Amino acid sequence: MPNRVRHRSAMAHPPVLKLFRKLQHQWDKCGAIDLGILVDEILQAGCSTRGLAEELKRTMRDPQVSDTTLRRYVQLARLPEARKDEIRKGASEKRLLAEEARKKRQERNEREARRRARYRSERLKLERESGRPSDEFAHKICHFCIDVPPSPVPDEVNSLFAQAAAYLNGGFAGSGGTNSMPHRTMAAASAA
């Protein structure tokens, strides 16, 4: 059902109409937080923010009501009580909303970092249990070998190939073993 139809059907309900009239009556008398609480209740009943802004523009003397203003009021209404008290005492609404957005973004980034770390540790655990390198690591080696133009292979890469070959052949001893491969070009290494 499109938003416009859902909004109109929600506005037809008597409890929503009562809240809307209360919002109209208190528009000039209340602060942004109290208006946000009323707007949030109306939105929870199924109205759309844009439709509510249009209704207010049509029925009020102040046609400067926008859906963006209503969204900001709802954001203010959903702040923790300590933040609301700061606003009531004169703190900048814009600054507090920016701080809350930054805090939520930081929490989201931390959750994502924990999820990635958990995934990485599970993947490494599976690799240790199965004894085979992951597909991702194998793809990286293949792309490295295929995409790089022929050039002399540095000793570190040569050593890496030797360790990988020993590991894949089951002869990797962890440390102490010195399996060395002759100095080859990248083309020769990828052809092998």
N, C-alpha and C. Protein backbone atom coordinates (compact mmCIF):
# COMPACT_ATOMS: atom_id res chain seq x y z
N MET A 1 0.85 -1.16 0.00
CA MET A 1 0.00 0.00 0.00
C MET A 1 0.91 1.24 0.00
N PRO A 2 0.72 2.15 -0.92
CA PRO A 2 1.55 3.35 -0.97
C PRO A 2 1.42 4.20 0.31
N ASN A 3 2.45 4.99 0.59
CA ASN A 3 2.46 5.81 1.81
C ASN A 3 1.27 6.75 1.88
N ARG A 4 0.90 7.35 0.74
CA ARG A 4 -0.20 8.33 0.73
C ARG A 4 -1.51 7.68 1.17
N VAL A 5 -1.78 6.48 0.67
CA VAL A 5 -3.01 5.77 1.03
C VAL A 5 -2.97 5.36 2.50
N ARG A 6 -1.81 4.85 2.93
CA ARG A 6 -1.65 4.44 4.33
C ARG A 6 -1.81 5.65 5.25
N HIS A 7 -1.26 6.80 4.83
CA HIS A 7 -1.36 8.01 5.64
C HIS A 7 -2.81 8.46 5.77
N ARG A 8 -3.53 8.48 4.65
CA ARG A 8 -4.93 8.92 4.69
C ARG A 8 -5.79 8.00 5.55
N SER A 9 -5.55 6.70 5.44
CA SER A 9 -6.36 5.78 6.25
C SER A 9 -6.02 5.92 7.74
N ALA A 10 -4.77 6.20 8.05
CA ALA A 10 -4.39 6.41 9.46
C ALA A 10 -4.99 7.69 10.00
N MET A 11 -5.01 8.75 9.17
CA MET A 11 -5.57 10.03 9.61
C MET A 11 -7.08 9.96 9.82
N ALA A 12 -7.73 8.97 9.26
CA ALA A 12 -9.18 8.83 9.41
C ALA A 12 -9.57 8.24 10.77
N HIS A 13 -8.62 7.67 11.50
CA HIS A 13 -8.92 7.08 12.80
C HIS A 13 -9.09 8.19 13.84
N PRO A 14 -10.13 8.11 14.68
CA PRO A 14 -10.37 9.14 15.69
C PRO A 14 -9.20 9.38 16.66
N PRO A 15 -8.48 8.33 17.14
CA PRO A 15 -7.36 8.62 18.04
C PRO A 15 -6.25 9.42 17.37
N VAL A 16 -6.02 9.15 16.08
CA VAL A 16 -4.99 9.88 15.34
C VAL A 16 -5.44 11.32 15.12
N LEU A 17 -6.70 11.52 14.80
CA LEU A 17 -7.23 12.86 14.63
C LEU A 17 -7.12 13.67 15.93
N LYS A 18 -7.37 13.00 17.04
CA LYS A 18 -7.25 13.67 18.35
C LYS A 18 -5.81 14.11 18.58
N LEU A 19 -4.85 13.23 18.28
CA LEU A 19 -3.43 13.59 18.43
C LEU A 19 -3.06 14.72 17.48
N PHE A 20 -3.59 14.69 16.26
CA PHE A 20 -3.29 15.73 15.28
C PHE A 20 -3.81 17.08 15.76
N ARG A 21 -5.03 17.11 16.29
CA ARG A 21 -5.59 18.37 16.81
C ARG A 21 -4.77 18.89 17.99
N LYS A 22 -4.33 17.96 18.82
CA LYS A 22 -3.49 18.36 19.96
C LYS A 22 -2.17 18.96 19.46
N LEU A 23 -1.59 18.36 18.42
CA LEU A 23 -0.36 18.88 17.83
C LEU A 23 -0.60 20.28 17.27
N GLN A 24 -1.70 20.47 16.57
CA GLN A 24 -2.01 21.79 16.02
C GLN A 24 -2.15 22.83 17.14
N HIS A 25 -2.85 22.44 18.18
CA HIS A 25 -3.11 23.36 19.29
C HIS A 25 -1.82 23.74 20.02
N GLN A 26 -0.89 22.78 20.16
CA GLN A 26 0.33 23.03 20.94
C GLN A 26 1.51 23.48 20.09
N TRP A 27 1.33 23.62 18.79
CA TRP A 27 2.45 23.93 17.89
C TRP A 27 3.21 25.18 18.32
N ASP A 28 2.52 26.25 18.63
CA ASP A 28 3.18 27.50 19.00
C ASP A 28 3.51 27.57 20.48
N LYS A 29 2.99 26.66 21.28
CA LYS A 29 3.14 26.74 22.73
C LYS A 29 4.23 25.84 23.28
N CYS A 30 4.58 24.78 22.56
CA CYS A 30 5.53 23.78 23.08
C CYS A 30 6.88 23.89 22.39
N GLY A 31 7.87 23.28 23.03
CA GLY A 31 9.20 23.20 22.44
C GLY A 31 9.30 22.04 21.47
N ALA A 32 10.46 21.95 20.84
CA ALA A 32 10.69 20.94 19.81
C ALA A 32 10.58 19.52 20.36
N ILE A 33 11.03 19.29 21.59
CA ILE A 33 11.00 17.94 22.15
C ILE A 33 9.57 17.47 22.37
N ASP A 34 8.73 18.34 22.96
CA ASP A 34 7.34 17.97 23.22
C ASP A 34 6.58 17.77 21.91
N LEU A 35 6.86 18.62 20.94
CA LEU A 35 6.24 18.44 19.63
C LEU A 35 6.71 17.14 18.99
N GLY A 36 7.98 16.83 19.17
CA GLY A 36 8.52 15.58 18.63
C GLY A 36 7.85 14.36 19.21
N ILE A 37 7.52 14.42 20.49
CA ILE A 37 6.82 13.29 21.13
C ILE A 37 5.46 13.09 20.48
N LEU A 38 4.73 14.19 20.27
CA LEU A 38 3.42 14.09 19.61
C LEU A 38 3.55 13.60 18.17
N VAL A 39 4.51 14.15 17.45
CA VAL A 39 4.71 13.74 16.05
C VAL A 39 5.06 12.25 16.00
N ASP A 40 5.91 11.80 16.92
CA ASP A 40 6.30 10.39 16.94
C ASP A 40 5.09 9.50 17.19
N GLU A 41 4.21 9.90 18.08
CA GLU A 41 2.99 9.11 18.34
C GLU A 41 2.13 9.02 17.08
N ILE A 42 2.01 10.13 16.37
CA ILE A 42 1.20 10.14 15.15
C ILE A 42 1.85 9.25 14.08
N LEU A 43 3.17 9.33 13.97
CA LEU A 43 3.87 8.50 12.98
C LEU A 43 3.76 7.02 13.32
N GLN A 44 3.81 6.71 14.62
CA GLN A 44 3.68 5.30 15.04
C GLN A 44 2.29 4.75 14.70
N ALA A 45 1.31 5.63 14.57
CA ALA A 45 -0.05 5.20 14.23
C ALA A 45 -0.21 4.92 12.74
N GLY A 46 0.83 5.21 11.93
CA GLY A 46 0.77 4.87 10.52
C GLY A 46 0.83 6.04 9.57
N CYS A 47 0.89 7.26 10.07
CA CYS A 47 0.98 8.42 9.20
C CYS A 47 2.40 8.55 8.65
N SER A 48 2.53 9.22 7.52
CA SER A 48 3.85 9.47 6.96
C SER A 48 4.30 10.86 7.37
N THR A 49 5.60 11.06 7.44
CA THR A 49 6.13 12.36 7.84
C THR A 49 5.76 13.42 6.80
N ARG A 50 5.89 13.09 5.55
CA ARG A 50 5.56 14.05 4.49
C ARG A 50 4.07 14.39 4.50
N GLY A 51 3.23 13.37 4.66
CA GLY A 51 1.79 13.61 4.72
C GLY A 51 1.40 14.45 5.91
N LEU A 52 2.03 14.21 7.05
CA LEU A 52 1.75 14.99 8.24
C LEU A 52 2.16 16.44 8.05
N ALA A 53 3.31 16.66 7.42
CA ALA A 53 3.76 18.03 7.14
C ALA A 53 2.77 18.73 6.21
N GLU A 54 2.29 18.03 5.20
CA GLU A 54 1.31 18.62 4.29
C GLU A 54 0.01 18.97 5.02
N GLU A 55 -0.44 18.08 5.91
CA GLU A 55 -1.65 18.35 6.69
C GLU A 55 -1.47 19.59 7.56
N LEU A 56 -0.31 19.72 8.19
CA LEU A 56 -0.06 20.88 9.05
C LEU A 56 0.01 22.16 8.23
N LYS A 57 0.65 22.11 7.07
CA LYS A 57 0.73 23.30 6.20
C LYS A 57 -0.66 23.75 5.77
N ARG A 58 -1.50 22.78 5.47
CA ARG A 58 -2.83 23.09 4.96
C ARG A 58 -3.75 23.65 6.04
N THR A 59 -3.58 23.20 7.27
CA THR A 59 -4.54 23.56 8.32
C THR A 59 -4.04 24.62 9.28
N MET A 60 -2.78 25.01 9.20
CA MET A 60 -2.25 25.99 10.17
C MET A 60 -1.94 27.31 9.49
N ARG A 61 -1.76 28.32 10.33
CA ARG A 61 -1.41 29.63 9.81
C ARG A 61 0.05 29.69 9.38
N ASP A 62 0.92 28.89 10.00
CA ASP A 62 2.35 28.91 9.70
C ASP A 62 2.65 27.84 8.66
N PRO A 63 2.79 28.22 7.39
CA PRO A 63 3.01 27.20 6.35
C PRO A 63 4.48 26.77 6.24
N GLN A 64 5.30 27.08 7.21
CA GLN A 64 6.73 26.76 7.13
C GLN A 64 7.07 25.39 7.71
N VAL A 65 6.09 24.55 7.90
CA VAL A 65 6.32 23.22 8.45
C VAL A 65 6.82 22.31 7.33
N SER A 66 7.93 21.62 7.57
CA SER A 66 8.44 20.69 6.56
C SER A 66 8.62 19.31 7.18
N ASP A 67 8.70 18.31 6.33
CA ASP A 67 8.92 16.95 6.84
C ASP A 67 10.29 16.84 7.51
N THR A 68 11.26 17.61 7.06
CA THR A 68 12.59 17.60 7.68
C THR A 68 12.51 18.11 9.11
N THR A 69 11.73 19.17 9.32
CA THR A 69 11.55 19.71 10.67
C THR A 69 10.91 18.67 11.56
N LEU A 70 9.91 17.99 11.05
CA LEU A 70 9.23 16.97 11.86
C LEU A 70 10.17 15.82 12.20
N ARG A 71 11.01 15.41 11.25
CA ARG A 71 11.98 14.34 11.53
C ARG A 71 12.96 14.76 12.62
N ARG A 72 13.41 16.03 12.55
CA ARG A 72 14.35 16.54 13.57
C ARG A 72 13.67 16.56 14.94
N TYR A 73 12.40 16.96 14.99
CA TYR A 73 11.68 16.96 16.26
C TYR A 73 11.58 15.55 16.83
N VAL A 74 11.34 14.57 15.96
CA VAL A 74 11.25 13.17 16.43
C VAL A 74 12.62 12.72 16.93
N GLN A 75 13.69 13.08 16.23
CA GLN A 75 15.04 12.72 16.70
C GLN A 75 15.30 13.32 18.08
N LEU A 76 14.89 14.56 18.28
CA LEU A 76 15.07 15.19 19.59
C LEU A 76 14.24 14.48 20.66
N ALA A 77 13.04 14.06 20.31
CA ALA A 77 12.18 13.38 21.27
C ALA A 77 12.73 12.01 21.66
N ARG A 78 13.52 11.41 20.79
CA ARG A 78 14.07 10.08 21.07
C ARG A 78 15.42 10.13 21.77
N LEU A 79 15.92 11.32 22.06
CA LEU A 79 17.19 11.44 22.79
C LEU A 79 17.02 10.96 24.23
N PRO A 80 18.11 10.55 24.88
CA PRO A 80 18.02 10.20 26.30
C PRO A 80 17.59 11.41 27.13
N GLU A 81 17.00 11.15 28.27
CA GLU A 81 16.48 12.23 29.11
C GLU A 81 17.55 13.26 29.49
N ALA A 82 18.77 12.82 29.74
CA ALA A 82 19.83 13.76 30.11
C ALA A 82 20.07 14.76 28.98
N ARG A 83 20.05 14.29 27.74
CA ARG A 83 20.24 15.17 26.59
C ARG A 83 19.05 16.12 26.43
N LYS A 84 17.84 15.61 26.67
CA LYS A 84 16.66 16.47 26.58
C LYS A 84 16.74 17.60 27.61
N ASP A 85 17.19 17.27 28.81
CA ASP A 85 17.34 18.30 29.85
C ASP A 85 18.35 19.36 29.43
N GLU A 86 19.44 18.93 28.79
CA GLU A 86 20.43 19.90 28.29
C GLU A 86 19.80 20.85 27.28
N ILE A 87 18.96 20.33 26.40
CA ILE A 87 18.30 21.17 25.40
C ILE A 87 17.35 22.14 26.07
N ARG A 88 16.60 21.64 27.06
CA ARG A 88 15.66 22.51 27.77
C ARG A 88 16.39 23.63 28.51
N LYS A 89 17.64 23.38 28.89
CA LYS A 89 18.43 24.40 29.59
C LYS A 89 19.13 25.34 28.61
N GLY A 90 19.00 25.09 27.30
CA GLY A 90 19.54 26.02 26.32
C GLY A 90 20.68 25.50 25.46
N ALA A 91 21.04 24.23 25.59
CA ALA A 91 22.11 23.68 24.76
C ALA A 91 21.67 23.61 23.29
N SER A 92 22.63 23.59 22.41
CA SER A 92 22.35 23.57 20.98
C SER A 92 21.78 22.22 20.56
N GLU A 93 20.59 22.26 19.95
CA GLU A 93 19.96 21.03 19.46
C GLU A 93 20.83 20.39 18.38
N LYS A 94 21.33 21.22 17.49
CA LYS A 94 22.13 20.72 16.37
C LYS A 94 23.39 20.02 16.86
N ARG A 95 24.06 20.61 17.85
CA ARG A 95 25.28 20.02 18.39
C ARG A 95 24.99 18.68 19.06
N LEU A 96 23.92 18.62 19.85
CA LEU A 96 23.57 17.38 20.55
C LEU A 96 23.17 16.28 19.56
N LEU A 97 22.42 16.65 18.52
CA LEU A 97 22.05 15.64 17.51
C LEU A 97 23.29 15.13 16.79
N ALA A 98 24.24 16.04 16.51
CA ALA A 98 25.48 15.63 15.84
C ALA A 98 26.29 14.70 16.74
N GLU A 99 26.35 15.00 18.04
CA GLU A 99 27.07 14.14 18.98
C GLU A 99 26.43 12.76 19.06
N GLU A 100 25.10 12.73 19.12
CA GLU A 100 24.40 11.44 19.17
C GLU A 100 24.62 10.64 17.89
N ALA A 101 24.60 11.31 16.75
CA ALA A 101 24.83 10.61 15.47
C ALA A 101 26.25 10.06 15.43
N ARG A 102 27.23 10.86 15.90
CA ARG A 102 28.62 10.40 15.93
C ARG A 102 28.77 9.21 16.86
N LYS A 103 28.11 9.27 18.01
CA LYS A 103 28.16 8.18 18.98
C LYS A 103 27.57 6.89 18.39
N LYS A 104 26.42 7.00 17.71
CA LYS A 104 25.80 5.82 17.09
C LYS A 104 26.68 5.26 15.98
N ARG A 105 27.28 6.17 15.19
CA ARG A 105 28.17 5.73 14.11
C ARG A 105 29.37 5.00 14.68
N GLN A 106 29.93 5.52 15.79
CA GLN A 106 31.08 4.88 16.42
C GLN A 106 30.70 3.50 16.97
N GLU A 107 29.54 3.39 17.60
CA GLU A 107 29.07 2.10 18.11
C GLU A 107 28.88 1.11 16.97
N ARG A 108 28.31 1.59 15.85
CA ARG A 108 28.10 0.71 14.69
C ARG A 108 29.44 0.23 14.13
N ASN A 109 30.42 1.14 14.05
CA ASN A 109 31.75 0.76 13.57
C ASN A 109 32.42 -0.24 14.49
N GLU A 110 32.27 -0.05 15.81
CA GLU A 110 32.85 -1.00 16.77
C GLU A 110 32.19 -2.37 16.65
N ARG A 111 30.86 -2.40 16.49
CA ARG A 111 30.17 -3.69 16.29
C ARG A 111 30.68 -4.38 15.04
N GLU A 112 30.86 -3.60 13.96
CA GLU A 112 31.35 -4.17 12.70
C GLU A 112 32.77 -4.70 12.86
N ALA A 113 33.61 -3.97 13.61
CA ALA A 113 34.99 -4.42 13.83
C ALA A 113 34.99 -5.72 14.64
N ARG A 114 34.12 -5.80 15.66
CA ARG A 114 34.03 -7.04 16.45
C ARG A 114 33.54 -8.20 15.59
N ARG A 115 32.56 -7.93 14.71
CA ARG A 115 32.05 -8.98 13.83
C ARG A 115 33.15 -9.48 12.90
N ARG A 116 33.92 -8.55 12.33
CA ARG A 116 35.01 -8.94 11.43
C ARG A 116 36.08 -9.73 12.18
N ALA A 117 36.42 -9.30 13.39
CA ALA A 117 37.43 -10.01 14.17
C ALA A 117 36.95 -11.42 14.50
N ARG A 118 35.66 -11.55 14.87
CA ARG A 118 35.10 -12.87 15.16
C ARG A 118 35.13 -13.77 13.92
N TYR A 119 34.76 -13.19 12.77
CA TYR A 119 34.79 -13.95 11.52
C TYR A 119 36.22 -14.39 11.20
N ARG A 120 37.17 -13.47 11.37
CA ARG A 120 38.57 -13.78 11.07
C ARG A 120 39.08 -14.89 11.98
N SER A 121 38.76 -14.82 13.29
CA SER A 121 39.24 -15.85 14.21
C SER A 121 38.59 -17.20 13.91
N GLU A 122 37.30 -17.21 13.54
CA GLU A 122 36.64 -18.46 13.18
C GLU A 122 37.26 -19.06 11.93
N ARG A 123 37.55 -18.19 10.96
CA ARG A 123 38.16 -18.67 9.71
C ARG A 123 39.54 -19.25 9.99
N LEU A 124 40.34 -18.57 10.82
CA LEU A 124 41.67 -19.09 11.15
C LEU A 124 41.59 -20.40 11.93
N LYS A 125 40.60 -20.49 12.81
CA LYS A 125 40.41 -21.73 13.58
C LYS A 125 40.08 -22.89 12.63
N LEU A 126 39.20 -22.64 11.67
CA LEU A 126 38.86 -23.68 10.69
C LEU A 126 40.08 -24.07 9.86
N GLU A 127 40.90 -23.08 9.51
CA GLU A 127 42.11 -23.39 8.74
C GLU A 127 43.06 -24.26 9.55
N ARG A 128 43.21 -23.95 10.84
CA ARG A 128 44.10 -24.76 11.69
C ARG A 128 43.56 -26.17 11.84
N GLU A 129 42.24 -26.30 12.01
CA GLU A 129 41.63 -27.62 12.18
C GLU A 129 41.72 -28.47 10.92
N SER A 130 41.49 -27.85 9.77
CA SER A 130 41.47 -28.62 8.53
C SER A 130 42.87 -28.80 7.94
N GLY A 131 43.80 -27.92 8.31
CA GLY A 131 45.16 -28.03 7.79
C GLY A 131 45.31 -27.48 6.39
N ARG A 132 44.31 -26.84 5.86
CA ARG A 132 44.38 -26.27 4.52
C ARG A 132 44.22 -24.75 4.59
N PRO A 133 44.95 -24.04 3.73
CA PRO A 133 44.76 -22.59 3.72
C PRO A 133 43.38 -22.24 3.17
N SER A 134 42.92 -21.08 3.55
CA SER A 134 41.58 -20.68 3.11
C SER A 134 41.54 -20.39 1.63
N ASP A 135 40.35 -20.44 1.07
CA ASP A 135 40.17 -20.11 -0.34
C ASP A 135 40.60 -18.69 -0.62
N GLU A 136 40.33 -17.80 0.33
CA GLU A 136 40.69 -16.39 0.14
C GLU A 136 42.20 -16.24 -0.03
N PHE A 137 42.96 -16.93 0.80
CA PHE A 137 44.42 -16.86 0.72
C PHE A 137 44.90 -17.47 -0.60
N ALA A 138 44.28 -18.58 -1.00
CA ALA A 138 44.66 -19.21 -2.27
C ALA A 138 44.34 -18.30 -3.45
N HIS A 139 43.19 -17.60 -3.40
CA HIS A 139 42.85 -16.66 -4.47
C HIS A 139 43.86 -15.53 -4.54
N LYS A 140 44.29 -15.04 -3.39
CA LYS A 140 45.27 -13.95 -3.38
C LYS A 140 46.58 -14.40 -4.03
N ILE A 141 47.01 -15.61 -3.72
CA ILE A 141 48.25 -16.12 -4.31
C ILE A 141 48.08 -16.27 -5.82
N CYS A 142 46.94 -16.81 -6.25
CA CYS A 142 46.70 -17.00 -7.68
C CYS A 142 46.67 -15.66 -8.41
N HIS A 143 45.96 -14.69 -7.85
CA HIS A 143 45.90 -13.38 -8.51
C HIS A 143 47.28 -12.73 -8.54
N PHE A 144 48.04 -12.93 -7.48
CA PHE A 144 49.40 -12.38 -7.45
C PHE A 144 50.24 -13.00 -8.56
N CYS A 145 50.12 -14.30 -8.68
CA CYS A 145 50.93 -15.00 -9.68
C CYS A 145 50.48 -14.68 -11.11
N ILE A 146 49.19 -14.49 -11.32
CA ILE A 146 48.68 -14.25 -12.67
C ILE A 146 48.82 -12.80 -13.08
N ASP A 147 48.51 -11.87 -12.19
CA ASP A 147 48.41 -10.46 -12.56
C ASP A 147 49.73 -9.72 -12.63
N VAL A 148 50.77 -10.24 -12.02
CA VAL A 148 52.04 -9.52 -11.99
C VAL A 148 52.83 -9.85 -13.25
N PRO A 149 53.35 -8.83 -13.95
CA PRO A 149 54.15 -9.11 -15.15
C PRO A 149 55.45 -9.83 -14.78
N PRO A 150 56.03 -10.56 -15.72
CA PRO A 150 57.26 -11.29 -15.42
C PRO A 150 58.36 -10.34 -14.94
N SER A 151 58.95 -10.72 -13.83
CA SER A 151 60.07 -9.95 -13.27
C SER A 151 60.84 -10.89 -12.34
N PRO A 152 62.06 -10.55 -12.00
CA PRO A 152 62.78 -11.41 -11.06
C PRO A 152 62.04 -11.49 -9.73
N VAL A 153 62.01 -12.68 -9.15
CA VAL A 153 61.30 -12.91 -7.90
C VAL A 153 62.23 -12.54 -6.74
N PRO A 154 61.81 -11.62 -5.86
CA PRO A 154 62.65 -11.30 -4.69
C PRO A 154 62.81 -12.52 -3.79
N ASP A 155 63.86 -12.53 -3.01
CA ASP A 155 64.14 -13.67 -2.13
C ASP A 155 63.01 -13.93 -1.15
N GLU A 156 62.34 -12.86 -0.65
CA GLU A 156 61.25 -13.06 0.31
C GLU A 156 60.08 -13.80 -0.34
N VAL A 157 59.78 -13.44 -1.59
CA VAL A 157 58.68 -14.10 -2.30
C VAL A 157 59.09 -15.52 -2.65
N ASN A 158 60.34 -15.70 -3.04
CA ASN A 158 60.85 -17.03 -3.34
C ASN A 158 60.71 -17.92 -2.11
N SER A 159 61.04 -17.37 -0.94
CA SER A 159 60.92 -18.12 0.31
C SER A 159 59.46 -18.44 0.60
N LEU A 160 58.56 -17.47 0.33
CA LEU A 160 57.14 -17.70 0.54
C LEU A 160 56.63 -18.84 -0.34
N PHE A 161 57.03 -18.86 -1.62
CA PHE A 161 56.64 -19.95 -2.52
C PHE A 161 57.16 -21.29 -2.01
N ALA A 162 58.38 -21.29 -1.51
CA ALA A 162 58.96 -22.54 -1.00
C ALA A 162 58.17 -23.03 0.20
N GLN A 163 57.82 -22.11 1.11
CA GLN A 163 57.04 -22.51 2.28
C GLN A 163 55.64 -22.97 1.88
N ALA A 164 55.03 -22.27 0.92
CA ALA A 164 53.69 -22.65 0.47
C ALA A 164 53.72 -24.03 -0.19
N ALA A 165 54.74 -24.27 -1.02
CA ALA A 165 54.85 -25.57 -1.67
C ALA A 165 55.06 -26.67 -0.64
N ALA A 166 55.91 -26.43 0.34
CA ALA A 166 56.14 -27.42 1.39
C ALA A 166 54.88 -27.66 2.19
N TYR A 167 54.15 -26.60 2.50
CA TYR A 167 52.91 -26.71 3.27
C TYR A 167 51.87 -27.51 2.50
N LEU A 168 51.71 -27.19 1.21
CA LEU A 168 50.72 -27.88 0.40
C LEU A 168 51.10 -29.34 0.14
N ASN A 169 52.39 -29.65 0.14
CA ASN A 169 52.84 -31.03 -0.05
C ASN A 169 52.90 -31.80 1.25
N GLY A 170 52.55 -31.14 2.36
CA GLY A 170 52.51 -31.82 3.65
C GLY A 170 53.85 -31.90 4.33
N GLY A 171 54.86 -31.22 3.84
CA GLY A 171 56.18 -31.31 4.44
C GLY A 171 56.56 -30.08 5.23
N PHE A 172 55.60 -29.26 5.62
CA PHE A 172 55.92 -28.04 6.35
C PHE A 172 56.19 -28.38 7.80
N ALA A 173 57.35 -28.01 8.29
CA ALA A 173 57.74 -28.36 9.65
C ALA A 173 57.54 -27.21 10.61
N GLY A 174 56.97 -26.10 10.18
CA GLY A 174 56.73 -24.98 11.07
C GLY A 174 57.89 -24.03 11.12
N SER A 175 59.02 -24.49 11.60
CA SER A 175 60.21 -23.63 11.64
C SER A 175 61.44 -24.51 11.60
N GLY A 176 62.52 -23.92 11.28
CA GLY A 176 63.77 -24.67 11.26
C GLY A 176 64.09 -25.27 9.91
N GLY A 177 63.10 -25.71 9.16
CA GLY A 177 63.35 -26.31 7.85
C GLY A 177 63.65 -25.23 6.83
N THR A 178 64.67 -25.44 6.04
CA THR A 178 65.00 -24.45 5.02
C THR A 178 64.79 -25.08 3.66
N ASN A 179 63.60 -24.95 3.18
CA ASN A 179 63.31 -25.39 1.83
C ASN A 179 63.56 -24.21 0.92
N SER A 180 64.46 -24.33 0.02
CA SER A 180 64.72 -23.19 -0.85
C SER A 180 64.44 -23.60 -2.28
N MET A 181 63.93 -22.65 -3.03
CA MET A 181 63.66 -22.87 -4.44
C MET A 181 64.70 -22.09 -5.22
N PRO A 182 65.08 -22.55 -6.38
CA PRO A 182 66.04 -21.78 -7.17
C PRO A 182 65.44 -20.44 -7.57
N HIS A 183 66.30 -19.46 -7.81
CA HIS A 183 65.87 -18.12 -8.20
C HIS A 183 65.24 -18.21 -9.59
N ARG A 184 63.92 -17.83 -9.67
CA ARG A 184 63.20 -17.91 -10.93
C ARG A 184 62.53 -16.59 -11.22
N THR A 185 62.05 -16.47 -12.43
CA THR A 185 61.25 -15.29 -12.75
C THR A 185 59.81 -15.56 -12.37
N MET A 186 59.02 -14.51 -12.31
CA MET A 186 57.62 -14.65 -11.94
C MET A 186 56.88 -15.53 -12.94
N ALA A 187 57.20 -15.40 -14.21
CA ALA A 187 56.54 -16.22 -15.24
C ALA A 187 56.82 -17.70 -15.01
N ALA A 188 58.06 -18.01 -14.63
CA ALA A 188 58.40 -19.40 -14.38
C ALA A 188 57.71 -19.90 -13.14
N ALA A 189 57.57 -19.03 -12.12
CA ALA A 189 56.92 -19.44 -10.88
C ALA A 189 55.44 -19.69 -11.11
N SER A 190 54.79 -18.86 -11.92
CA SER A 190 53.37 -19.07 -12.15
C SER A 190 53.11 -20.25 -13.09
N ALA A 191 54.07 -20.59 -13.93
CA ALA A 191 53.89 -21.70 -14.84
C ALA A 191 54.04 -23.03 -14.12
N ALA A 192 54.72 -23.03 -12.98
CA ALA A 192 54.99 -24.27 -12.26
C ALA A 192 53.78 -24.84 -11.58
